[in-house]
Amino acid sequence: MHNYYVYIITNKSKAVLYIGVTNDLARRLYEHQEDSGNGKRHFTGRYNICYLIYWEYFENIAQAIDREKELKGWRREKKEKLIHGFNPDWNFLNEEISE
């Protein structure tokens, strides 16, 4: 059994959305936080995007990648509706993800 996640993270002001896919959500969030705090080498680091607001679970990597591509193709308004349905208050969910 494999674990894959499509996730959406944002910055503190919730102005920027980033969609990604990973097989280890806790590790990937840590990497985003590290880049945001120290490295600033990637898009997420430069814009301090490290706050988890949405995620989906998949057992198949092809399905996860297809979903990531689908979400990336959506307009912001549609992404906001998806997030709102999952996390109505747009709470930062990083602490809910266990190692």
N, C-alpha and C. Protein backbone atom coordinates (compact mmCIF):
# COMPACT_ATOMS: atom_id res chain seq x y z
N MET A 1 0.85 -1.19 0.00
CA MET A 1 0.00 0.00 0.00
C MET A 1 0.89 1.24 0.00
N HIS A 2 0.59 2.15 -0.87
CA HIS A 2 1.36 3.38 -0.98
C HIS A 2 0.51 4.57 -0.54
N ASN A 3 1.19 5.62 -0.12
CA ASN A 3 0.52 6.84 0.32
C ASN A 3 1.00 8.01 -0.51
N TYR A 4 0.04 8.71 -1.10
CA TYR A 4 0.36 9.91 -1.87
C TYR A 4 -0.65 10.98 -1.49
N TYR A 5 -0.18 12.20 -1.51
CA TYR A 5 -1.03 13.32 -1.12
C TYR A 5 -0.92 14.44 -2.13
N VAL A 6 -2.06 15.00 -2.49
CA VAL A 6 -2.11 16.27 -3.21
C VAL A 6 -2.48 17.28 -2.15
N TYR A 7 -1.75 18.38 -2.12
CA TYR A 7 -1.95 19.33 -1.03
C TYR A 7 -1.93 20.77 -1.56
N ILE A 8 -2.56 21.63 -0.79
CA ILE A 8 -2.53 23.06 -1.08
C ILE A 8 -1.99 23.76 0.16
N ILE A 9 -0.98 24.58 -0.06
CA ILE A 9 -0.42 25.39 1.01
C ILE A 9 -0.53 26.86 0.62
N THR A 10 -0.41 27.72 1.61
CA THR A 10 -0.54 29.16 1.38
C THR A 10 0.44 29.90 2.29
N ASN A 11 0.44 31.21 2.15
CA ASN A 11 1.25 32.04 3.04
C ASN A 11 0.37 32.56 4.17
N LYS A 12 0.95 33.28 5.11
CA LYS A 12 0.21 33.73 6.29
C LYS A 12 -1.02 34.57 5.95
N SER A 13 -0.92 35.40 4.93
CA SER A 13 -2.04 36.26 4.54
C SER A 13 -3.03 35.54 3.61
N LYS A 14 -2.72 34.31 3.24
CA LYS A 14 -3.57 33.48 2.38
C LYS A 14 -3.74 34.08 0.98
N ALA A 15 -2.75 34.84 0.55
CA ALA A 15 -2.82 35.51 -0.75
C ALA A 15 -2.33 34.64 -1.90
N VAL A 16 -1.46 33.67 -1.60
CA VAL A 16 -0.86 32.84 -2.64
C VAL A 16 -1.18 31.38 -2.34
N LEU A 17 -1.54 30.62 -3.38
CA LEU A 17 -1.80 29.20 -3.23
C LEU A 17 -0.75 28.41 -4.01
N TYR A 18 -0.32 27.31 -3.44
CA TYR A 18 0.63 26.40 -4.10
C TYR A 18 0.07 24.99 -3.99
N ILE A 19 0.07 24.27 -5.10
CA ILE A 19 -0.43 22.90 -5.14
C ILE A 19 0.73 21.97 -5.44
N GLY A 20 0.83 20.90 -4.66
CA GLY A 20 1.89 19.94 -4.86
C GLY A 20 1.41 18.52 -4.63
N VAL A 21 2.30 17.56 -4.91
CA VAL A 21 2.03 16.14 -4.66
C VAL A 21 3.26 15.56 -3.97
N THR A 22 3.04 14.64 -3.04
CA THR A 22 4.14 14.04 -2.28
C THR A 22 3.73 12.68 -1.77
N ASN A 23 4.72 11.88 -1.39
CA ASN A 23 4.43 10.60 -0.73
C ASN A 23 4.63 10.68 0.78
N ASP A 24 5.07 11.83 1.27
CA ASP A 24 5.27 12.04 2.71
C ASP A 24 4.92 13.49 3.03
N LEU A 25 3.67 13.70 3.43
CA LEU A 25 3.17 15.06 3.62
C LEU A 25 3.89 15.78 4.76
N ALA A 26 4.14 15.10 5.87
CA ALA A 26 4.83 15.74 7.00
C ALA A 26 6.23 16.20 6.58
N ARG A 27 6.97 15.35 5.89
CA ARG A 27 8.32 15.72 5.44
C ARG A 27 8.27 16.88 4.47
N ARG A 28 7.32 16.83 3.55
CA ARG A 28 7.24 17.90 2.53
C ARG A 28 6.88 19.24 3.17
N LEU A 29 5.99 19.24 4.15
CA LEU A 29 5.65 20.47 4.85
C LEU A 29 6.87 21.02 5.58
N TYR A 30 7.64 20.13 6.17
CA TYR A 30 8.87 20.55 6.84
C TYR A 30 9.82 21.20 5.85
N GLU A 31 9.97 20.61 4.67
CA GLU A 31 10.84 21.17 3.65
C GLU A 31 10.37 22.56 3.22
N HIS A 32 9.06 22.73 3.06
CA HIS A 32 8.53 24.05 2.71
C HIS A 32 8.81 25.06 3.82
N GLN A 33 8.64 24.64 5.07
CA GLN A 33 8.89 25.53 6.20
C GLN A 33 10.36 25.92 6.28
N GLU A 34 11.24 24.97 6.06
CA GLU A 34 12.67 25.25 6.08
C GLU A 34 13.06 26.24 4.98
N ASP A 35 12.54 26.04 3.78
CA ASP A 35 12.86 26.94 2.68
C ASP A 35 12.29 28.33 2.94
N SER A 36 11.13 28.36 3.55
CA SER A 36 10.49 29.63 3.85
C SER A 36 11.29 30.40 4.91
N GLY A 37 11.83 29.67 5.87
CA GLY A 37 12.55 30.33 6.95
C GLY A 37 14.01 30.60 6.65
N ASN A 38 14.64 29.75 5.89
CA ASN A 38 16.09 29.85 5.72
C ASN A 38 16.53 30.02 4.26
N GLY A 39 16.12 29.09 3.43
CA GLY A 39 16.69 29.02 2.10
C GLY A 39 16.19 30.05 1.12
N LYS A 40 14.89 30.20 1.03
CA LYS A 40 14.26 31.11 0.07
C LYS A 40 14.75 30.81 -1.36
N ARG A 41 15.03 29.51 -1.63
CA ARG A 41 15.56 29.14 -2.93
C ARG A 41 14.46 28.78 -3.93
N HIS A 42 13.27 28.47 -3.44
CA HIS A 42 12.18 28.05 -4.32
C HIS A 42 11.01 29.01 -4.21
N PHE A 43 10.06 28.85 -5.09
CA PHE A 43 8.87 29.70 -5.10
C PHE A 43 8.22 29.76 -3.72
N THR A 44 8.02 28.59 -3.10
CA THR A 44 7.35 28.57 -1.81
C THR A 44 8.16 29.27 -0.73
N GLY A 45 9.46 29.16 -0.80
CA GLY A 45 10.32 29.84 0.18
C GLY A 45 10.32 31.34 0.01
N ARG A 46 10.42 31.78 -1.23
CA ARG A 46 10.45 33.23 -1.50
C ARG A 46 9.17 33.92 -1.06
N TYR A 47 8.03 33.22 -1.15
CA TYR A 47 6.75 33.82 -0.79
C TYR A 47 6.22 33.31 0.55
N ASN A 48 7.07 32.62 1.32
CA ASN A 48 6.71 32.12 2.65
C ASN A 48 5.45 31.27 2.63
N ILE A 49 5.38 30.37 1.67
CA ILE A 49 4.22 29.50 1.51
C ILE A 49 4.53 28.17 2.19
N CYS A 50 3.96 27.97 3.35
CA CYS A 50 4.25 26.74 4.10
C CYS A 50 3.08 26.31 4.98
N TYR A 51 1.93 26.91 4.83
CA TYR A 51 0.79 26.63 5.70
C TYR A 51 -0.22 25.75 4.98
N LEU A 52 -0.40 24.54 5.47
CA LEU A 52 -1.31 23.57 4.87
C LEU A 52 -2.76 23.97 5.11
N ILE A 53 -3.54 24.03 4.03
CA ILE A 53 -4.96 24.35 4.17
C ILE A 53 -5.87 23.30 3.52
N TYR A 54 -5.27 22.38 2.75
CA TYR A 54 -6.08 21.38 2.06
C TYR A 54 -5.19 20.20 1.69
N TRP A 55 -5.77 18.99 1.73
CA TRP A 55 -5.05 17.82 1.23
C TRP A 55 -6.03 16.73 0.84
N GLU A 56 -5.59 15.88 -0.07
CA GLU A 56 -6.33 14.70 -0.50
C GLU A 56 -5.36 13.51 -0.46
N TYR A 57 -5.88 12.33 -0.16
CA TYR A 57 -5.08 11.12 -0.06
C TYR A 57 -5.34 10.21 -1.26
N PHE A 58 -4.28 9.58 -1.76
CA PHE A 58 -4.37 8.63 -2.87
C PHE A 58 -3.45 7.45 -2.58
N GLU A 59 -3.82 6.28 -3.10
CA GLU A 59 -2.96 5.11 -3.02
C GLU A 59 -2.20 4.91 -4.33
N ASN A 60 -2.60 5.60 -5.37
CA ASN A 60 -2.02 5.44 -6.70
C ASN A 60 -1.37 6.75 -7.13
N ILE A 61 -0.08 6.71 -7.45
CA ILE A 61 0.64 7.93 -7.81
C ILE A 61 0.10 8.56 -9.08
N ALA A 62 -0.31 7.76 -10.05
CA ALA A 62 -0.83 8.31 -11.31
C ALA A 62 -2.10 9.13 -11.04
N GLN A 63 -2.96 8.63 -10.17
CA GLN A 63 -4.18 9.36 -9.83
C GLN A 63 -3.84 10.65 -9.09
N ALA A 64 -2.86 10.60 -8.21
CA ALA A 64 -2.47 11.79 -7.47
C ALA A 64 -1.90 12.85 -8.42
N ILE A 65 -1.06 12.44 -9.34
CA ILE A 65 -0.48 13.39 -10.30
C ILE A 65 -1.56 13.97 -11.20
N ASP A 66 -2.49 13.14 -11.64
CA ASP A 66 -3.59 13.64 -12.47
C ASP A 66 -4.42 14.67 -11.71
N ARG A 67 -4.68 14.40 -10.44
CA ARG A 67 -5.46 15.34 -9.63
C ARG A 67 -4.70 16.64 -9.41
N GLU A 68 -3.40 16.54 -9.16
CA GLU A 68 -2.58 17.74 -9.00
C GLU A 68 -2.66 18.60 -10.26
N LYS A 69 -2.51 17.99 -11.41
CA LYS A 69 -2.59 18.73 -12.67
C LYS A 69 -3.96 19.36 -12.87
N GLU A 70 -5.01 18.61 -12.50
CA GLU A 70 -6.37 19.13 -12.61
C GLU A 70 -6.53 20.39 -11.75
N LEU A 71 -6.13 20.30 -10.48
CA LEU A 71 -6.28 21.44 -9.57
C LEU A 71 -5.45 22.63 -10.03
N LYS A 72 -4.26 22.38 -10.53
CA LYS A 72 -3.41 23.48 -11.01
C LYS A 72 -4.04 24.21 -12.18
N GLY A 73 -4.90 23.53 -12.92
CA GLY A 73 -5.56 24.14 -14.07
C GLY A 73 -6.79 24.97 -13.71
N TRP A 74 -7.21 24.87 -12.46
CA TRP A 74 -8.41 25.60 -12.03
C TRP A 74 -8.10 27.06 -11.78
N ARG A 75 -9.14 27.89 -11.94
CA ARG A 75 -9.04 29.30 -11.55
C ARG A 75 -9.07 29.39 -10.03
N ARG A 76 -8.57 30.47 -9.51
CA ARG A 76 -8.47 30.68 -8.06
C ARG A 76 -9.84 30.50 -7.38
N GLU A 77 -10.88 31.03 -7.97
CA GLU A 77 -12.22 30.96 -7.36
C GLU A 77 -12.64 29.50 -7.12
N LYS A 78 -12.38 28.65 -8.07
CA LYS A 78 -12.76 27.23 -7.94
C LYS A 78 -11.90 26.56 -6.86
N LYS A 79 -10.64 26.90 -6.79
CA LYS A 79 -9.76 26.36 -5.74
C LYS A 79 -10.25 26.80 -4.37
N GLU A 80 -10.66 28.06 -4.26
CA GLU A 80 -11.16 28.56 -2.98
C GLU A 80 -12.41 27.81 -2.53
N LYS A 81 -13.30 27.48 -3.46
CA LYS A 81 -14.50 26.71 -3.12
C LYS A 81 -14.13 25.32 -2.62
N LEU A 82 -13.15 24.69 -3.27
CA LEU A 82 -12.69 23.37 -2.84
C LEU A 82 -12.13 23.44 -1.42
N ILE A 83 -11.28 24.41 -1.17
CA ILE A 83 -10.68 24.58 0.16
C ILE A 83 -11.76 24.84 1.19
N HIS A 84 -12.70 25.71 0.86
CA HIS A 84 -13.77 26.07 1.80
C HIS A 84 -14.61 24.85 2.18
N GLY A 85 -14.85 23.96 1.22
CA GLY A 85 -15.62 22.75 1.51
C GLY A 85 -14.89 21.79 2.45
N PHE A 86 -13.58 21.79 2.41
CA PHE A 86 -12.74 20.92 3.23
C PHE A 86 -12.37 21.58 4.55
N ASN A 87 -12.14 22.87 4.51
CA ASN A 87 -11.59 23.63 5.64
C ASN A 87 -12.23 25.02 5.62
N PRO A 88 -13.50 25.12 6.07
CA PRO A 88 -14.27 26.36 5.92
C PRO A 88 -13.61 27.62 6.46
N ASP A 89 -12.84 27.50 7.53
CA ASP A 89 -12.20 28.67 8.13
C ASP A 89 -10.76 28.88 7.64
N TRP A 90 -10.34 28.06 6.71
CA TRP A 90 -8.97 28.11 6.18
C TRP A 90 -7.95 28.06 7.31
N ASN A 91 -8.20 27.19 8.29
CA ASN A 91 -7.24 27.00 9.38
C ASN A 91 -5.97 26.38 8.83
N PHE A 92 -4.85 26.69 9.45
CA PHE A 92 -3.59 26.06 9.08
C PHE A 92 -3.55 24.68 9.73
N LEU A 93 -3.40 23.65 8.93
CA LEU A 93 -3.54 22.27 9.38
C LEU A 93 -2.21 21.55 9.63
N ASN A 94 -1.12 22.27 9.60
CA ASN A 94 0.20 21.64 9.73
C ASN A 94 0.30 20.78 10.98
N GLU A 95 -0.23 21.23 12.09
CA GLU A 95 -0.11 20.51 13.35
C GLU A 95 -0.93 19.21 13.35
N GLU A 96 -1.88 19.09 12.44
CA GLU A 96 -2.71 17.89 12.37
C GLU A 96 -2.04 16.75 11.63
N ILE A 97 -0.96 17.05 10.92
CA ILE A 97 -0.25 16.04 10.15
C ILE A 97 0.84 15.44 11.03
N SER A 98 0.73 14.14 11.30
CA SER A 98 1.73 13.50 12.16
C SER A 98 2.90 12.99 11.32
N GLU A 99 3.99 12.83 11.97
CA GLU A 99 5.22 12.34 11.31
C GLU A 99 5.05 10.96 10.78
